[in-house]
Amino acid sequence: MSSAIGLSEGCLAAIQHLREQREVNTLVLRLADPPDVLVAELEGNLTHDELVQGLPSDEPRLVVHELSFASPEGTRRNELLLILWMPPAAEEQEEVYTAGYTALKEYLGDVHVHLTARRADQLAYRRLVALAG
């Protein structure tokens, strides 16, 4: 049973802030109740460690995060990532969150790095840089 997931007005506004304001580099989104609309749970400027530590161990989330890193040539780069956080304890919600992930991928057509993470080590900084680089 796959249902369409919408993006709330607040979610759309948060995505716009991420794209336009330097003080926002991370959006953490969750499904509203009833689970047919994505809402922004957190909109902030998080370090990589803060992002990983802030993800719940038993609930899924969708994350849009601007990863900052240096290229092998030494130039600073920023790359938007779309992350489906799906810890094992939340697998009963996987189908509905996957629908939200698909809706975000379609909306964020210019974001080219998409990943599903089930464990925190899958979000290791060097791994994300390798995916983005």
C-alpha atoms as a PDB file:
ATOM      1  CA  MET A   1       0.000   0.000   0.000  1.00  0.00           C
ATOM      2  CA  SER A   2       1.862   3.030  -1.244  1.00  0.00           C
ATOM      3  CA  SER A   3       0.218   6.377  -0.697  1.00  0.00           C
ATOM      4  CA  ALA A   4       1.160   9.827  -1.888  1.00  0.00           C
ATOM      5  CA  ILE A   5       2.952  11.965   0.659  1.00  0.00           C
ATOM      6  CA  GLY A   6       2.614  15.730   0.555  1.00  0.00           C
ATOM      7  CA  LEU A   7       4.929  18.462   1.734  1.00  0.00           C
ATOM      8  CA  SER A   8       3.406  20.831   4.292  1.00  0.00           C
ATOM      9  CA  GLU A   9       3.650  24.602   3.902  1.00  0.00           C
ATOM     10  CA  GLY A  10       6.122  24.595   6.798  1.00  0.00           C
ATOM     11  CA  CYS A  11       8.208  21.915   5.111  1.00  0.00           C
ATOM     12  CA  LEU A  12       8.334  23.910   1.862  1.00  0.00           C
ATOM     13  CA  ALA A  13       9.281  27.071   3.772  1.00  0.00           C
ATOM     14  CA  ALA A  14      12.042  25.189   5.622  1.00  0.00           C
ATOM     15  CA  ILE A  15      13.463  23.907   2.321  1.00  0.00           C
ATOM     16  CA  GLN A  16      13.458  27.487   1.001  1.00  0.00           C
ATOM     17  CA  HIS A  17      15.309  28.677   4.135  1.00  0.00           C
ATOM     18  CA  LEU A  18      17.909  25.957   3.697  1.00  0.00           C
ATOM     19  CA  ARG A  19      18.542  27.080   0.141  1.00  0.00           C
ATOM     20  CA  GLU A  20      18.631  30.812   0.891  1.00  0.00           C
ATOM     21  CA  GLN A  21      19.999  31.337   4.403  1.00  0.00           C
ATOM     22  CA  ARG A  22      23.533  30.528   5.447  1.00  0.00           C
ATOM     23  CA  GLU A  23      22.535  29.899   9.063  1.00  0.00           C
ATOM     24  CA  VAL A  24      20.405  26.895   8.085  1.00  0.00           C
ATOM     25  CA  ASN A  25      22.200  23.760   6.866  1.00  0.00           C
ATOM     26  CA  THR A  26      19.958  20.959   8.143  1.00  0.00           C
ATOM     27  CA  LEU A  27      16.287  20.046   7.984  1.00  0.00           C
ATOM     28  CA  VAL A  28      14.934  17.082   9.891  1.00  0.00           C
ATOM     29  CA  LEU A  29      11.495  16.076   8.664  1.00  0.00           C
ATOM     30  CA  ARG A  30       8.928  13.668  10.035  1.00  0.00           C
ATOM     31  CA  LEU A  31       5.511  12.519   8.958  1.00  0.00           C
ATOM     32  CA  ALA A  32       2.575  14.280  10.557  1.00  0.00           C
ATOM     33  CA  ASP A  33      -0.294  12.406  12.138  1.00  0.00           C
ATOM     34  CA  PRO A  34      -2.082  11.146  10.059  1.00  0.00           C
ATOM     35  CA  PRO A  35       1.074  10.233   8.116  1.00  0.00           C
ATOM     36  CA  ASP A  36       0.384  11.803   4.758  1.00  0.00           C
ATOM     37  CA  VAL A  37       2.285  15.097   5.062  1.00  0.00           C
ATOM     38  CA  LEU A  38       5.930  15.839   5.828  1.00  0.00           C
ATOM     39  CA  VAL A  39       6.542  18.520   8.425  1.00  0.00           C
ATOM     40  CA  ALA A  40       9.744  20.182   9.564  1.00  0.00           C
ATOM     41  CA  GLU A  41      10.748  18.934  13.000  1.00  0.00           C
ATOM     42  CA  LEU A  42      14.050  20.808  13.125  1.00  0.00           C
ATOM     43  CA  GLU A  43      15.518  23.579  11.029  1.00  0.00           C
ATOM     44  CA  GLY A  44      19.001  24.552  12.125  1.00  0.00           C
ATOM     45  CA  ASN A  45      22.721  24.779  11.692  1.00  0.00           C
ATOM     46  CA  LEU A  46      24.110  21.449  12.869  1.00  0.00           C
ATOM     47  CA  THR A  47      27.569  20.001  12.745  1.00  0.00           C
ATOM     48  CA  HIS A  48      27.868  16.518  11.331  1.00  0.00           C
ATOM     49  CA  ASP A  49      28.222  15.087  14.844  1.00  0.00           C
ATOM     50  CA  GLU A  50      25.168  16.983  16.121  1.00  0.00           C
ATOM     51  CA  LEU A  51      23.128  15.667  13.207  1.00  0.00           C
ATOM     52  CA  VAL A  52      24.088  12.032  13.780  1.00  0.00           C
ATOM     53  CA  GLN A  53      23.682  12.234  17.563  1.00  0.00           C
ATOM     54  CA  GLY A  54      20.299  13.944  17.246  1.00  0.00           C
ATOM     55  CA  LEU A  55      18.644  11.235  15.170  1.00  0.00           C
ATOM     56  CA  PRO A  56      16.252   9.058  17.182  1.00  0.00           C
ATOM     57  CA  SER A  57      17.295   5.437  17.660  1.00  0.00           C
ATOM     58  CA  ASP A  58      13.771   4.092  17.250  1.00  0.00           C
ATOM     59  CA  GLU A  59      12.022   6.436  14.795  1.00  0.00           C
ATOM     60  CA  PRO A  60      12.599   7.186  11.121  1.00  0.00           C
ATOM     61  CA  ARG A  61      13.329  10.673   9.830  1.00  0.00           C
ATOM     62  CA  LEU A  62      14.040  12.360   6.527  1.00  0.00           C
ATOM     63  CA  VAL A  63      17.017  14.698   6.528  1.00  0.00           C
ATOM     64  CA  VAL A  64      18.204  17.324   4.074  1.00  0.00           C
ATOM     65  CA  HIS A  65      21.727  18.316   5.091  1.00  0.00           C
ATOM     66  CA  GLU A  66      24.283  20.572   3.466  1.00  0.00           C
ATOM     67  CA  LEU A  67      27.598  18.768   3.878  1.00  0.00           C
ATOM     68  CA  SER A  68      30.662  21.029   3.908  1.00  0.00           C
ATOM     69  CA  PHE A  69      34.010  19.506   3.015  1.00  0.00           C
ATOM     70  CA  ALA A  70      37.262  20.111   1.190  1.00  0.00           C
ATOM     71  CA  SER A  71      37.875  18.540  -2.190  1.00  0.00           C
ATOM     72  CA  PRO A  72      41.142  16.631  -2.758  1.00  0.00           C
ATOM     73  CA  GLU A  73      42.431  19.830  -4.395  1.00  0.00           C
ATOM     74  CA  GLY A  74      41.698  21.786  -1.225  1.00  0.00           C
ATOM     75  CA  THR A  75      38.703  23.814  -2.393  1.00  0.00           C
ATOM     76  CA  ARG A  76      35.738  24.132  -0.051  1.00  0.00           C
ATOM     77  CA  ARG A  77      32.578  22.430  -1.278  1.00  0.00           C
ATOM     78  CA  ASN A  78      29.021  22.188  -0.073  1.00  0.00           C
ATOM     79  CA  GLU A  79      26.729  19.418  -1.261  1.00  0.00           C
ATOM     80  CA  LEU A  80      23.115  18.810  -0.315  1.00  0.00           C
ATOM     81  CA  LEU A  81      22.318  15.280   0.858  1.00  0.00           C
ATOM     82  CA  LEU A  82      18.930  13.625   1.187  1.00  0.00           C
ATOM     83  CA  ILE A  83      18.962  10.965   3.888  1.00  0.00           C
ATOM     84  CA  LEU A  84      16.312   8.444   4.816  1.00  0.00           C
ATOM     85  CA  TRP A  85      17.063   7.516   8.438  1.00  0.00           C
ATOM     86  CA  MET A  86      15.441   4.129   9.026  1.00  0.00           C
ATOM     87  CA  PRO A  87      16.682   2.461  12.228  1.00  0.00           C
ATOM     88  CA  PRO A  88      15.792  -1.235  12.589  1.00  0.00           C
ATOM     89  CA  ALA A  89      13.338  -0.505  15.426  1.00  0.00           C
ATOM     90  CA  ALA A  90      11.198   1.547  13.027  1.00  0.00           C
ATOM     91  CA  GLU A  91      10.906  -0.870  10.122  1.00  0.00           C
ATOM     92  CA  GLU A  92       7.087  -0.975  10.383  1.00  0.00           C
ATOM     93  CA  GLN A  93       7.123   2.646   9.139  1.00  0.00           C
ATOM     94  CA  GLU A  94       9.502   2.018   6.245  1.00  0.00           C
ATOM     95  CA  GLU A  95       6.895   1.979   3.485  1.00  0.00           C
ATOM     96  CA  VAL A  96       5.342   5.320   4.378  1.00  0.00           C
ATOM     97  CA  TYR A  97       8.718   7.004   4.956  1.00  0.00           C
ATOM     98  CA  THR A  98       9.985   5.616   1.654  1.00  0.00           C
ATOM     99  CA  ALA A  99       7.009   7.312  -0.016  1.00  0.00           C
ATOM    100  CA  GLY A 100       8.024  10.577   1.669  1.00  0.00           C
ATOM    101  CA  TYR A 101      11.630  10.049   0.573  1.00  0.00           C
ATOM    102  CA  THR A 102      10.431   9.587  -3.008  1.00  0.00           C
ATOM    103  CA  ALA A 103       8.339  12.763  -2.814  1.00  0.00           C
ATOM    104  CA  LEU A 104      11.362  14.721  -1.553  1.00  0.00           C
ATOM    105  CA  LYS A 105      13.635  13.300  -4.270  1.00  0.00           C
ATOM    106  CA  GLU A 106      11.150  14.506  -6.874  1.00  0.00           C
ATOM    107  CA  TYR A 107      10.818  17.941  -5.254  1.00  0.00           C
ATOM    108  CA  LEU A 108      14.585  18.330  -4.752  1.00  0.00           C
ATOM    109  CA  GLY A 109      15.598  17.391  -8.280  1.00  0.00           C
ATOM    110  CA  ASP A 110      18.975  19.144  -7.992  1.00  0.00           C
ATOM    111  CA  VAL A 111      20.038  17.042  -4.964  1.00  0.00           C
ATOM    112  CA  HIS A 112      22.122  14.191  -6.356  1.00  0.00           C
ATOM    113  CA  VAL A 113      23.275  12.394  -3.216  1.00  0.00           C
ATOM    114  CA  HIS A 114      20.533  10.180  -1.753  1.00  0.00           C
ATOM    115  CA  LEU A 115      21.074   7.488   0.838  1.00  0.00           C
ATOM    116  CA  THR A 116      19.286   5.273   3.293  1.00  0.00           C
ATOM    117  CA  ALA A 117      20.963   4.780   6.660  1.00  0.00           C
ATOM    118  CA  ARG A 118      19.937   2.183   9.216  1.00  0.00           C
ATOM    119  CA  ARG A 119      22.896   2.657  11.565  1.00  0.00           C
ATOM    120  CA  ALA A 120      24.840   5.738  12.661  1.00  0.00           C
ATOM    121  CA  ASP A 121      28.090   4.372  11.178  1.00  0.00           C
ATOM    122  CA  GLN A 122      26.465   4.566   7.727  1.00  0.00           C
ATOM    123  CA  LEU A 123      26.463   8.339   8.230  1.00  0.00           C
ATOM    124  CA  ALA A 124      30.201   8.563   8.963  1.00  0.00           C
ATOM    125  CA  TYR A 125      31.599  11.893   7.752  1.00  0.00           C
ATOM    126  CA  ARG A 126      34.229  10.360   5.441  1.00  0.00           C
ATOM    127  CA  ARG A 127      31.603   8.094   3.855  1.00  0.00           C
ATOM    128  CA  LEU A 128      29.326  11.076   3.181  1.00  0.00           C
ATOM    129  CA  VAL A 129      32.216  13.049   1.701  1.00  0.00           C
ATOM    130  CA  ALA A 130      33.066  10.117  -0.588  1.00  0.00           C
ATOM    131  CA  LEU A 131      29.441   9.961  -1.767  1.00  0.00           C
ATOM    132  CA  ALA A 132      29.327  13.725  -2.327  1.00  0.00           C
ATOM    133  CA  GLY A 133      32.790  14.100  -3.822  1.00  0.00           C
END
